[in-house]
Amino acid sequence: MKPGPELSPETLRRLDTLFAPGDRESAKALLYGQCGNNLPYLAERSMDETERLRFAALKVSDGKLGLLESAVKLAQIDFRDLLMAADFGEVDAHWK
């Protein structure tokens, strides 16, 4: 499975705010490697287009790696379920 796209500066800022220093690299690797345009139906999406999903995964994680892993697994099954779990059903909800 191809990783990517790169994590945006805003995604990194949110990740650094939520996660303890010792967990940040694992969280970054998980989002980059498994929660991007490599999700079903999202091939060829840009950083901006995948950012909403990554914000959703971060929100649902509450800064805990185990919850982030669960959020990413949910997105791998159906990314729309992750968006709804994060209350990001509206297209611009992740910016509110």
PDB file of N, CA and C in Angstrom:
ATOM      1  N   MET A   1       0.844  -1.173   0.000  1.00  0.00           N
ATOM      2  CA  MET A   1       0.000   0.000   0.000  1.00  0.00           C
ATOM      3  C   MET A   1       0.893   1.242   0.000  1.00  0.00           C
ATOM      4  N   LYS A   2       0.637   2.148  -0.894  1.00  0.00           N
ATOM      5  CA  LYS A   2       1.413   3.375  -1.022  1.00  0.00           C
ATOM      6  C   LYS A   2       1.011   4.376   0.069  1.00  0.00           C
ATOM      7  N   PRO A   3       1.977   4.927   0.805  1.00  0.00           N
ATOM      8  CA  PRO A   3       1.647   5.922   1.827  1.00  0.00           C
ATOM      9  C   PRO A   3       1.414   7.290   1.204  1.00  0.00           C
ATOM     10  N   GLY A   4       0.912   8.198   2.023  1.00  0.00           N
ATOM     11  CA  GLY A   4       0.869   9.586   1.596  1.00  0.00           C
ATOM     12  C   GLY A   4      -0.524  10.145   1.473  1.00  0.00           C
ATOM     13  N   PRO A   5      -0.611  11.378   1.082  1.00  0.00           N
ATOM     14  CA  PRO A   5       0.454  12.352   0.869  1.00  0.00           C
ATOM     15  C   PRO A   5       1.064  12.795   2.199  1.00  0.00           C
ATOM     16  N   GLU A   6       2.059  13.656   2.115  1.00  0.00           N
ATOM     17  CA  GLU A   6       2.725  14.147   3.327  1.00  0.00           C
ATOM     18  C   GLU A   6       1.702  14.775   4.270  1.00  0.00           C
ATOM     19  N   LEU A   7       2.046  14.814   5.542  1.00  0.00           N
ATOM     20  CA  LEU A   7       1.180  15.467   6.524  1.00  0.00           C
ATOM     21  C   LEU A   7       1.331  16.979   6.381  1.00  0.00           C
ATOM     22  N   SER A   8       0.226  17.665   6.402  1.00  0.00           N
ATOM     23  CA  SER A   8       0.240  19.123   6.267  1.00  0.00           C
ATOM     24  C   SER A   8       0.775  19.766   7.548  1.00  0.00           C
ATOM     25  N   PRO A   9       1.227  21.006   7.454  1.00  0.00           N
ATOM     26  CA  PRO A   9       1.659  21.713   8.667  1.00  0.00           C
ATOM     27  C   PRO A   9       0.553  21.792   9.727  1.00  0.00           C
ATOM     28  N   GLU A  10      -0.691  21.972   9.301  1.00  0.00           N
ATOM     29  CA  GLU A  10      -1.793  22.050  10.275  1.00  0.00           C
ATOM     30  C   GLU A  10      -2.054  20.689  10.918  1.00  0.00           C
ATOM     31  N   THR A  11      -1.941  19.620  10.149  1.00  0.00           N
ATOM     32  CA  THR A  11      -2.089  18.281  10.728  1.00  0.00           C
ATOM     33  C   THR A  11      -0.991  18.045  11.763  1.00  0.00           C
ATOM     34  N   LEU A  12       0.233  18.410  11.441  1.00  0.00           N
ATOM     35  CA  LEU A  12       1.350  18.244  12.376  1.00  0.00           C
ATOM     36  C   LEU A  12       1.152  19.088  13.637  1.00  0.00           C
ATOM     37  N   ARG A  13       0.633  20.290  13.473  1.00  0.00           N
ATOM     38  CA  ARG A  13       0.386  21.154  14.629  1.00  0.00           C
ATOM     39  C   ARG A  13      -0.640  20.517  15.565  1.00  0.00           C
ATOM     40  N   ARG A  14      -1.717  20.005  14.991  1.00  0.00           N
ATOM     41  CA  ARG A  14      -2.756  19.365  15.806  1.00  0.00           C
ATOM     42  C   ARG A  14      -2.217  18.091  16.472  1.00  0.00           C
ATOM     43  N   LEU A  15      -1.463  17.337  15.729  1.00  0.00           N
ATOM     44  CA  LEU A  15      -0.880  16.111  16.274  1.00  0.00           C
ATOM     45  C   LEU A  15       0.040  16.436  17.447  1.00  0.00           C
ATOM     46  N   ASP A  16       0.883  17.447  17.283  1.00  0.00           N
ATOM     47  CA  ASP A  16       1.806  17.838  18.356  1.00  0.00           C
ATOM     48  C   ASP A  16       1.067  18.364  19.582  1.00  0.00           C
ATOM     49  N   THR A  17      -0.086  18.980  19.379  1.00  0.00           N
ATOM     50  CA  THR A  17      -0.889  19.478  20.494  1.00  0.00           C
ATOM     51  C   THR A  17      -1.541  18.330  21.256  1.00  0.00           C
ATOM     52  N   LEU A  18      -1.998  17.327  20.535  1.00  0.00           N
ATOM     53  CA  LEU A  18      -2.747  16.225  21.156  1.00  0.00           C
ATOM     54  C   LEU A  18      -1.880  15.157  21.807  1.00  0.00           C
ATOM     55  N   PHE A  19      -0.787  14.788  21.155  1.00  0.00           N
ATOM     56  CA  PHE A  19      -0.029  13.618  21.584  1.00  0.00           C
ATOM     57  C   PHE A  19       1.175  13.982  22.438  1.00  0.00           C
ATOM     58  N   ALA A  20       1.464  13.116  23.384  1.00  0.00           N
ATOM     59  CA  ALA A  20       2.661  13.267  24.217  1.00  0.00           C
ATOM     60  C   ALA A  20       3.892  13.130  23.314  1.00  0.00           C
ATOM     61  N   PRO A  21       4.981  13.794  23.669  1.00  0.00           N
ATOM     62  CA  PRO A  21       6.193  13.741  22.828  1.00  0.00           C
ATOM     63  C   PRO A  21       6.622  12.323  22.454  1.00  0.00           C
ATOM     64  N   GLY A  22       6.511  11.386  23.353  1.00  0.00           N
ATOM     65  CA  GLY A  22       6.938  10.017  23.080  1.00  0.00           C
ATOM     66  C   GLY A  22       6.051   9.271  22.097  1.00  0.00           C
ATOM     67  N   ASP A  23       4.839   9.778  21.854  1.00  0.00           N
ATOM     68  CA  ASP A  23       3.893   9.110  20.955  1.00  0.00           C
ATOM     69  C   ASP A  23       3.789   9.776  19.587  1.00  0.00           C
ATOM     70  N   ARG A  24       4.383  10.927  19.440  1.00  0.00           N
ATOM     71  CA  ARG A  24       4.190  11.719  18.220  1.00  0.00           C
ATOM     72  C   ARG A  24       4.708  11.031  16.962  1.00  0.00           C
ATOM     73  N   GLU A  25       5.877  10.452  17.017  1.00  0.00           N
ATOM     74  CA  GLU A  25       6.427   9.803  15.814  1.00  0.00           C
ATOM     75  C   GLU A  25       5.566   8.624  15.379  1.00  0.00           C
ATOM     76  N   SER A  26       5.068   7.856  16.335  1.00  0.00           N
ATOM     77  CA  SER A  26       4.189   6.729  15.988  1.00  0.00           C
ATOM     78  C   SER A  26       2.894   7.232  15.377  1.00  0.00           C
ATOM     79  N   ALA A  27       2.346   8.300  15.933  1.00  0.00           N
ATOM     80  CA  ALA A  27       1.109   8.875  15.399  1.00  0.00           C
ATOM     81  C   ALA A  27       1.333   9.413  13.990  1.00  0.00           C
ATOM     82  N   LYS A  28       2.448  10.093  13.771  1.00  0.00           N
ATOM     83  CA  LYS A  28       2.773  10.616  12.442  1.00  0.00           C
ATOM     84  C   LYS A  28       2.891   9.469  11.436  1.00  0.00           C
ATOM     85  N   ALA A  29       3.598   8.427  11.815  1.00  0.00           N
ATOM     86  CA  ALA A  29       3.796   7.287  10.915  1.00  0.00           C
ATOM     87  C   ALA A  29       2.463   6.622  10.572  1.00  0.00           C
ATOM     88  N   LEU A  30       1.592   6.515  11.548  1.00  0.00           N
ATOM     89  CA  LEU A  30       0.289   5.894  11.322  1.00  0.00           C
ATOM     90  C   LEU A  30      -0.548   6.729  10.350  1.00  0.00           C
ATOM     91  N   LEU A  31      -0.609   8.031  10.577  1.00  0.00           N
ATOM     92  CA  LEU A  31      -1.384   8.881   9.674  1.00  0.00           C
ATOM     93  C   LEU A  31      -0.794   8.890   8.269  1.00  0.00           C
ATOM     94  N   TYR A  32       0.508   9.010   8.157  1.00  0.00           N
ATOM     95  CA  TYR A  32       1.147   9.046   6.844  1.00  0.00           C
ATOM     96  C   TYR A  32       1.013   7.708   6.117  1.00  0.00           C
ATOM     97  N   GLY A  33       1.250   6.634   6.827  1.00  0.00           N
ATOM     98  CA  GLY A  33       1.285   5.328   6.188  1.00  0.00           C
ATOM     99  C   GLY A  33      -0.054   4.679   5.935  1.00  0.00           C
ATOM    100  N   GLN A  34      -1.074   5.051   6.747  1.00  0.00           N
ATOM    101  CA  GLN A  34      -2.324   4.307   6.647  1.00  0.00           C
ATOM    102  C   GLN A  34      -3.584   5.162   6.560  1.00  0.00           C
ATOM    103  N   CYS A  35      -3.446   6.476   6.597  1.00  0.00           N
ATOM    104  CA  CYS A  35      -4.640   7.327   6.600  1.00  0.00           C
ATOM    105  C   CYS A  35      -4.432   8.502   5.652  1.00  0.00           C
ATOM    106  N   GLY A  36      -4.508   8.204   4.393  1.00  0.00           N
ATOM    107  CA  GLY A  36      -4.314   9.241   3.382  1.00  0.00           C
ATOM    108  C   GLY A  36      -4.989   8.828   2.101  1.00  0.00           C
ATOM    109  N   ASN A  37      -4.346   9.125   0.996  1.00  0.00           N
ATOM    110  CA  ASN A  37      -4.948   8.773  -0.284  1.00  0.00           C
ATOM    111  C   ASN A  37      -4.834   7.280  -0.589  1.00  0.00           C
ATOM    112  N   ASN A  38      -4.314   6.535   0.372  1.00  0.00           N
ATOM    113  CA  ASN A  38      -4.264   5.084   0.230  1.00  0.00           C
ATOM    114  C   ASN A  38      -5.508   4.410   0.821  1.00  0.00           C
ATOM    115  N   LEU A  39      -6.439   5.202   1.333  1.00  0.00           N
ATOM    116  CA  LEU A  39      -7.702   4.644   1.805  1.00  0.00           C
ATOM    117  C   LEU A  39      -8.584   4.306   0.610  1.00  0.00           C
ATOM    118  N   PRO A  40      -9.504   3.354   0.787  1.00  0.00           N
ATOM    119  CA  PRO A  40     -10.386   3.000  -0.326  1.00  0.00           C
ATOM    120  C   PRO A  40     -11.108   4.221  -0.899  1.00  0.00           C
ATOM    121  N   TYR A  41     -11.116   4.323  -2.203  1.00  0.00           N
ATOM    122  CA  TYR A  41     -11.796   5.370  -2.967  1.00  0.00           C
ATOM    123  C   TYR A  41     -11.112   6.738  -2.904  1.00  0.00           C
ATOM    124  N   LEU A  42      -9.930   6.831  -2.323  1.00  0.00           N
ATOM    125  CA  LEU A  42      -9.267   8.123  -2.194  1.00  0.00           C
ATOM    126  C   LEU A  42      -7.932   8.196  -2.926  1.00  0.00           C
ATOM    127  N   ALA A  43      -7.687   7.311  -3.843  1.00  0.00           N
ATOM    128  CA  ALA A  43      -6.428   7.335  -4.599  1.00  0.00           C
ATOM    129  C   ALA A  43      -6.298   8.669  -5.324  1.00  0.00           C
ATOM    130  N   GLU A  44      -5.083   9.140  -5.394  1.00  0.00           N
ATOM    131  CA  GLU A  44      -4.753  10.369  -6.108  1.00  0.00           C
ATOM    132  C   GLU A  44      -5.282  11.637  -5.449  1.00  0.00           C
ATOM    133  N   ARG A  45      -5.665  11.562  -4.185  1.00  0.00           N
ATOM    134  CA  ARG A  45      -6.122  12.770  -3.483  1.00  0.00           C
ATOM    135  C   ARG A  45      -4.916  13.550  -2.975  1.00  0.00           C
ATOM    136  N   SER A  46      -5.058  14.841  -2.889  1.00  0.00           N
ATOM    137  CA  SER A  46      -3.974  15.714  -2.448  1.00  0.00           C
ATOM    138  C   SER A  46      -3.935  15.817  -0.927  1.00  0.00           C
ATOM    139  N   MET A  47      -2.909  16.488  -0.438  1.00  0.00           N
ATOM    140  CA  MET A  47      -2.773  16.727   0.992  1.00  0.00           C
ATOM    141  C   MET A  47      -4.013  17.443   1.530  1.00  0.00           C
ATOM    142  N   ASP A  48      -4.470  18.457   0.836  1.00  0.00           N
ATOM    143  CA  ASP A  48      -5.647  19.196   1.289  1.00  0.00           C
ATOM    144  C   ASP A  48      -6.887  18.334   1.347  1.00  0.00           C
ATOM    145  N   GLU A  49      -7.038  17.447   0.402  1.00  0.00           N
ATOM    146  CA  GLU A  49      -8.220  16.601   0.341  1.00  0.00           C
ATOM    147  C   GLU A  49      -8.203  15.496   1.403  1.00  0.00           C
ATOM    148  N   THR A  50      -7.035  15.056   1.814  1.00  0.00           N
ATOM    149  CA  THR A  50      -6.958  14.015   2.844  1.00  0.00           C
ATOM    150  C   THR A  50      -6.888  14.605   4.251  1.00  0.00           C
ATOM    151  N   GLU A  51      -6.650  15.901   4.340  1.00  0.00           N
ATOM    152  CA  GLU A  51      -6.509  16.548   5.639  1.00  0.00           C
ATOM    153  C   GLU A  51      -7.760  16.373   6.503  1.00  0.00           C
ATOM    154  N   ARG A  52      -8.924  16.478   5.917  1.00  0.00           N
ATOM    155  CA  ARG A  52     -10.178  16.322   6.672  1.00  0.00           C
ATOM    156  C   ARG A  52     -10.238  14.969   7.375  1.00  0.00           C
ATOM    157  N   LEU A  53      -9.805  13.920   6.686  1.00  0.00           N
ATOM    158  CA  LEU A  53      -9.809  12.586   7.295  1.00  0.00           C
ATOM    159  C   LEU A  53      -8.792  12.490   8.426  1.00  0.00           C
ATOM    160  N   ARG A  54      -7.641  13.068   8.207  1.00  0.00           N
ATOM    161  CA  ARG A  54      -6.614  13.034   9.246  1.00  0.00           C
ATOM    162  C   ARG A  54      -7.032  13.852  10.458  1.00  0.00           C
ATOM    163  N   PHE A  55      -7.674  14.997  10.237  1.00  0.00           N
ATOM    164  CA  PHE A  55      -8.203  15.775  11.357  1.00  0.00           C
ATOM    165  C   PHE A  55      -9.248  14.961  12.111  1.00  0.00           C
ATOM    166  N   ALA A  56     -10.082  14.242  11.388  1.00  0.00           N
ATOM    167  CA  ALA A  56     -11.105  13.410  12.024  1.00  0.00           C
ATOM    168  C   ALA A  56     -10.463  12.325  12.885  1.00  0.00           C
ATOM    169  N   ALA A  57      -9.458  11.667  12.350  1.00  0.00           N
ATOM    170  CA  ALA A  57      -8.769  10.621  13.118  1.00  0.00           C
ATOM    171  C   ALA A  57      -8.130  11.202  14.371  1.00  0.00           C
ATOM    172  N   LEU A  58      -7.531  12.373  14.248  1.00  0.00           N
ATOM    173  CA  LEU A  58      -6.921  13.021  15.418  1.00  0.00           C
ATOM    174  C   LEU A  58      -7.970  13.393  16.452  1.00  0.00           C
ATOM    175  N   LYS A  59      -9.094  13.920  16.000  1.00  0.00           N
ATOM    176  CA  LYS A  59     -10.158  14.309  16.934  1.00  0.00           C
ATOM    177  C   LYS A  59     -10.677  13.098  17.700  1.00  0.00           C
ATOM    178  N   VAL A  60     -10.944  12.025  16.987  1.00  0.00           N
ATOM    179  CA  VAL A  60     -11.476  10.813  17.611  1.00  0.00           C
ATOM    180  C   VAL A  60     -10.448  10.181  18.553  1.00  0.00           C
ATOM    181  N   SER A  61      -9.164  10.362  18.260  1.00  0.00           N
ATOM    182  CA  SER A  61      -8.105   9.725  19.058  1.00  0.00           C
ATOM    183  C   SER A  61      -7.975  10.296  20.460  1.00  0.00           C
ATOM    184  N   ASP A  62      -8.317  11.561  20.621  1.00  0.00           N
ATOM    185  CA  ASP A  62      -8.165  12.236  21.915  1.00  0.00           C
ATOM    186  C   ASP A  62      -6.730  12.133  22.448  1.00  0.00           C
ATOM    187  N   GLY A  63      -5.766  12.054  21.521  1.00  0.00           N
ATOM    188  CA  GLY A  63      -4.364  12.010  21.903  1.00  0.00           C
ATOM    189  C   GLY A  63      -3.866  10.653  22.389  1.00  0.00           C
ATOM    190  N   LYS A  64      -4.612   9.601  22.094  1.00  0.00           N
ATOM    191  CA  LYS A  64      -4.234   8.248  22.524  1.00  0.00           C
ATOM    192  C   LYS A  64      -3.958   7.383  21.287  1.00  0.00           C
ATOM    193  N   LEU A  65      -2.791   6.750  21.264  1.00  0.00           N
ATOM    194  CA  LEU A  65      -2.406   5.945  20.096  1.00  0.00           C
ATOM    195  C   LEU A  65      -3.395   4.830  19.790  1.00  0.00           C
ATOM    196  N   GLY A  66      -3.876   4.160  20.805  1.00  0.00           N
ATOM    197  CA  GLY A  66      -4.830   3.070  20.588  1.00  0.00           C
ATOM    198  C   GLY A  66      -6.104   3.551  19.914  1.00  0.00           C
ATOM    199  N   LEU A  67      -6.585   4.716  20.319  1.00  0.00           N
ATOM    200  CA  LEU A  67      -7.786   5.271  19.699  1.00  0.00           C
ATOM    201  C   LEU A  67      -7.489   5.767  18.286  1.00  0.00           C
ATOM    202  N   LEU A  68      -6.274   6.270  18.060  1.00  0.00           N
ATOM    203  CA  LEU A  68      -5.896   6.670  16.711  1.00  0.00           C
ATOM    204  C   LEU A  68      -5.854   5.452  15.790  1.00  0.00           C
ATOM    205  N   GLU A  69      -5.309   4.358  16.275  1.00  0.00           N
ATOM    206  CA  GLU A  69      -5.276   3.124  15.483  1.00  0.00           C
ATOM    207  C   GLU A  69      -6.692   2.671  15.141  1.00  0.00           C
ATOM    208  N   SER A  70      -7.597   2.745  16.114  1.00  0.00           N
ATOM    209  CA  SER A  70      -8.995   2.364  15.863  1.00  0.00           C
ATOM    210  C   SER A  70      -9.644   3.289  14.840  1.00  0.00           C
ATOM    211  N   ALA A  71      -9.355   4.585  14.934  1.00  0.00           N
ATOM    212  CA  ALA A  71      -9.915   5.544  13.983  1.00  0.00           C
ATOM    213  C   ALA A  71      -9.419   5.257  12.570  1.00  0.00           C
ATOM    214  N   VAL A  72      -8.149   4.950  12.431  1.00  0.00           N
ATOM    215  CA  VAL A  72      -7.582   4.647  11.116  1.00  0.00           C
ATOM    216  C   VAL A  72      -8.186   3.352  10.572  1.00  0.00           C
ATOM    217  N   LYS A  73      -8.365   2.354  11.413  1.00  0.00           N
ATOM    218  CA  LYS A  73      -8.994   1.100  10.972  1.00  0.00           C
ATOM    219  C   LYS A  73     -10.421   1.357  10.491  1.00  0.00           C
ATOM    220  N   LEU A  74     -11.139   2.222  11.196  1.00  0.00           N
ATOM    221  CA  LEU A  74     -12.490   2.582  10.780  1.00  0.00           C
ATOM    222  C   LEU A  74     -12.452   3.242   9.403  1.00  0.00           C
ATOM    223  N   ALA A  75     -11.519   4.148   9.185  1.00  0.00           N
ATOM    224  CA  ALA A  75     -11.387   4.817   7.893  1.00  0.00           C
ATOM    225  C   ALA A  75     -11.045   3.829   6.788  1.00  0.00           C
ATOM    226  N   GLN A  76     -10.276   2.806   7.111  1.00  0.00           N
ATOM    227  CA  GLN A  76      -9.905   1.809   6.112  1.00  0.00           C
ATOM    228  C   GLN A  76     -11.109   0.977   5.676  1.00  0.00           C
ATOM    229  N   ILE A  77     -12.083   0.848   6.558  1.00  0.00           N
ATOM    230  CA  ILE A  77     -13.313   0.130   6.204  1.00  0.00           C
ATOM    231  C   ILE A  77     -14.230   1.052   5.405  1.00  0.00           C
ATOM    232  N   ASP A  78     -14.492   2.252   5.948  1.00  0.00           N
ATOM    233  CA  ASP A  78     -15.322   3.243   5.261  1.00  0.00           C
ATOM    234  C   ASP A  78     -15.012   4.603   5.853  1.00  0.00           C
ATOM    235  N   PHE A  79     -14.287   5.420   5.101  1.00  0.00           N
ATOM    236  CA  PHE A  79     -13.841   6.714   5.620  1.00  0.00           C
ATOM    237  C   PHE A  79     -15.003   7.597   6.052  1.00  0.00           C
ATOM    238  N   ARG A  80     -16.178   7.397   5.482  1.00  0.00           N
ATOM    239  CA  ARG A  80     -17.336   8.216   5.860  1.00  0.00           C
ATOM    240  C   ARG A  80     -17.744   7.968   7.306  1.00  0.00           C
ATOM    241  N   ASP A  81     -17.555   6.737   7.781  1.00  0.00           N
ATOM    242  CA  ASP A  81     -17.872   6.435   9.181  1.00  0.00           C
ATOM    243  C   ASP A  81     -16.962   7.211  10.129  1.00  0.00           C
ATOM    244  N   LEU A  82     -15.696   7.354   9.759  1.00  0.00           N
ATOM    245  CA  LEU A  82     -14.783   8.146  10.577  1.00  0.00           C
ATOM    246  C   LEU A  82     -15.210   9.609  10.586  1.00  0.00           C
ATOM    247  N   LEU A  83     -15.580  10.143   9.439  1.00  0.00           N
ATOM    248  CA  LEU A  83     -16.027  11.534   9.385  1.00  0.00           C
ATOM    249  C   LEU A  83     -17.246  11.755  10.280  1.00  0.00           C
ATOM    250  N   MET A  84     -18.167  10.824  10.278  1.00  0.00           N
ATOM    251  CA  MET A  84     -19.355  10.952  11.124  1.00  0.00           C
ATOM    252  C   MET A  84     -19.002  10.801  12.602  1.00  0.00           C
ATOM    253  N   ALA A  85     -18.094   9.898  12.935  1.00  0.00           N
ATOM    254  CA  ALA A  85     -17.675   9.717  14.328  1.00  0.00           C
ATOM    255  C   ALA A  85     -17.036  10.981  14.890  1.00  0.00           C
ATOM    256  N   ALA A  86     -16.370  11.733  14.027  1.00  0.00           N
ATOM    257  CA  ALA A  86     -15.720  12.982  14.440  1.00  0.00           C
ATOM    258  C   ALA A  86     -16.669  14.176  14.334  1.00  0.00           C
ATOM    259  N   ASP A  87     -17.898  13.928  13.890  1.00  0.00           N
ATOM    260  CA  ASP A  87     -18.881  14.990  13.667  1.00  0.00           C
ATOM    261  C   ASP A  87     -18.422  15.933  12.554  1.00  0.00           C
ATOM    262  N   PHE A  88     -17.802  15.358  11.526  1.00  0.00           N
ATOM    263  CA  PHE A  88     -17.323  16.095  10.368  1.00  0.00           C
ATOM    264  C   PHE A  88     -18.154  15.781   9.131  1.00  0.00           C
ATOM    265  N   GLY A  89     -19.441  15.574   9.305  1.00  0.00           N
ATOM    266  CA  GLY A  89     -20.302  15.250   8.183  1.00  0.00           C
ATOM    267  C   GLY A  89     -20.372  16.349   7.138  1.00  0.00           C
ATOM    268  N   GLU A  90     -20.303  17.593   7.572  1.00  0.00           N
ATOM    269  CA  GLU A  90     -20.310  18.712   6.633  1.00  0.00           C
ATOM    270  C   GLU A  90     -18.895  18.884   6.070  1.00  0.00           C
ATOM    271  N   VAL A  91     -18.816  19.295   4.830  1.00  0.00           N
ATOM    272  CA  VAL A  91     -17.529  19.372   4.140  1.00  0.00           C
ATOM    273  C   VAL A  91     -16.513  20.244   4.859  1.00  0.00           C
ATOM    274  N   ASP A  92     -16.938  21.355   5.436  1.00  0.00           N
ATOM    275  CA  ASP A  92     -15.989  22.246   6.105  1.00  0.00           C
ATOM    276  C   ASP A  92     -16.013  22.145   7.621  1.00  0.00           C
ATOM    277  N   ALA A  93     -16.621  21.112   8.163  1.00  0.00           N
ATOM    278  CA  ALA A  93     -16.769  20.965   9.615  1.00  0.00           C
ATOM    279  C   ALA A  93     -15.425  20.863  10.333  1.00  0.00           C
ATOM    280  N   HIS A  94     -14.403  20.367   9.677  1.00  0.00           N
ATOM    281  CA  HIS A  94     -13.101  20.207  10.317  1.00  0.00           C
ATOM    282  C   HIS A  94     -12.413  21.527  10.576  1.00  0.00           C
ATOM    283  N   TRP A  95     -12.917  22.625  10.033  1.00  0.00           N
ATOM    284  CA  TRP A  95     -12.327  23.944  10.264  1.00  0.00           C
ATOM    285  C   TRP A  95     -13.059  24.731  11.345  1.00  0.00           C
ATOM    286  N   LYS A  96     -14.128  24.180  11.868  1.00  0.00           N
ATOM    287  CA  LYS A  96     -14.919  24.887  12.888  1.00  0.00           C
ATOM    288  C   LYS A  96     -14.383  24.644  14.277  1.00  0.00           C
TER     289      LYS A  96
END
